[in-house]
Amino acid sequence: MFLWAEAINYATWLKNQLPSRAIPGYTPYAFVYKTKPNLSLTHEFGCKVYIHVMDGGKLQPQVTEANFVRIDKESKAYRIYW
């Protein structure tokens, strides 16, 4: 229940990146910013992602599993749920 706000934020962000009938030939993002959106970082909400563990020792696991929540707006990073 606590991830509903994150899901709605991601759905709204994604909807603004996709073509709209209200602005034929443009996405809302492209109409406002005059550039095509970068969709290379998009993933399905809640999909499994693997995070590289930097401080793990030789015998410790090198990755940990989490779930994708959304793309961070300030940087090229993901918000994840452990």
Protein backbone atom coordinates (compact mmCIF):
# COMPACT_ATOMS: atom_id res chain seq x y z
CA MET A 1 0.00 0.00 0.00
CA PHE A 2 2.90 2.37 0.70
CA LEU A 3 4.24 2.25 -2.88
CA TRP A 4 1.02 3.58 -4.47
CA ALA A 5 2.35 7.15 -4.56
CA GLU A 6 5.55 5.97 -6.26
CA ALA A 7 3.53 3.94 -8.80
CA ILE A 8 1.32 6.92 -9.65
CA ASN A 9 4.34 9.24 -9.97
CA TYR A 10 6.05 6.81 -12.34
CA ALA A 11 2.87 6.27 -14.39
CA THR A 12 2.41 10.04 -14.74
CA TRP A 13 6.04 10.53 -15.76
CA LEU A 14 5.77 7.73 -18.32
CA LYS A 15 2.49 9.08 -19.73
CA ASN A 16 4.16 12.45 -20.33
CA GLN A 17 6.94 10.72 -22.29
CA LEU A 18 4.55 8.94 -24.70
CA PRO A 19 2.68 10.38 -27.74
CA SER A 20 -0.59 12.16 -27.06
CA ARG A 21 -3.65 12.72 -29.26
CA ALA A 22 -3.95 16.24 -27.84
CA ILE A 23 -0.64 17.23 -29.48
CA PRO A 24 -0.36 15.24 -32.74
CA GLY A 25 3.22 14.31 -33.60
CA TYR A 26 4.61 15.31 -30.20
CA THR A 27 4.84 13.97 -26.71
CA PRO A 28 3.94 16.36 -23.87
CA TYR A 29 7.61 16.28 -22.84
CA ALA A 30 8.83 17.14 -26.36
CA PHE A 31 6.26 19.92 -26.67
CA VAL A 32 7.44 21.62 -23.47
CA TYR A 33 11.22 21.01 -23.65
CA LYS A 34 11.66 21.00 -27.47
CA THR A 35 13.66 17.75 -27.33
CA LYS A 36 12.83 14.06 -27.49
CA PRO A 37 12.62 12.24 -24.15
CA ASN A 38 15.29 9.70 -23.24
CA LEU A 39 13.46 6.43 -22.62
CA SER A 40 16.55 4.24 -22.38
CA LEU A 41 16.34 4.13 -18.57
CA THR A 42 12.71 3.00 -18.35
CA HIS A 43 11.79 -0.34 -16.82
CA GLU A 44 8.59 -2.04 -15.79
CA PHE A 45 7.38 -0.92 -12.36
CA GLY A 46 8.25 -3.53 -9.74
CA CYS A 47 10.60 -5.58 -11.93
CA LYS A 48 13.59 -7.26 -10.30
CA VAL A 49 16.86 -5.35 -10.44
CA TYR A 50 20.29 -6.32 -9.17
CA ILE A 51 22.46 -3.85 -7.30
CA HIS A 52 26.24 -4.16 -7.22
CA VAL A 53 27.52 -4.24 -3.64
CA MET A 54 30.64 -2.07 -3.44
CA ASP A 55 31.80 -2.88 0.11
CA GLY A 56 31.30 -6.64 0.03
CA GLY A 57 34.27 -8.82 0.80
CA LYS A 58 35.60 -11.58 -1.45
CA LEU A 59 33.35 -14.18 0.09
CA GLN A 60 30.31 -11.93 0.42
CA PRO A 61 27.58 -11.67 -2.24
CA GLN A 62 28.53 -9.20 -4.98
CA VAL A 63 24.92 -8.25 -5.84
CA THR A 64 21.66 -7.86 -3.98
CA GLU A 65 18.16 -8.13 -5.40
CA ALA A 66 15.61 -5.31 -5.22
CA ASN A 67 12.53 -4.03 -7.07
CA PHE A 68 12.46 -1.11 -9.49
CA VAL A 69 10.24 1.77 -8.38
CA ARG A 70 11.01 4.71 -10.68
CA ILE A 71 13.69 6.92 -12.18
CA ASP A 72 15.05 9.69 -9.98
CA LYS A 73 14.21 13.13 -11.37
CA GLU A 74 17.41 14.85 -10.25
CA SER A 75 19.96 12.34 -11.56
CA LYS A 76 20.39 9.32 -13.79
CA ALA A 77 19.61 6.93 -10.98
CA TYR A 78 16.85 4.51 -10.04
CA ARG A 79 14.64 4.49 -7.00
CA ILE A 80 14.39 0.97 -5.73
CA TYR A 81 12.61 -0.96 -3.00
CA TRP A 82 14.62 -3.52 -1.04
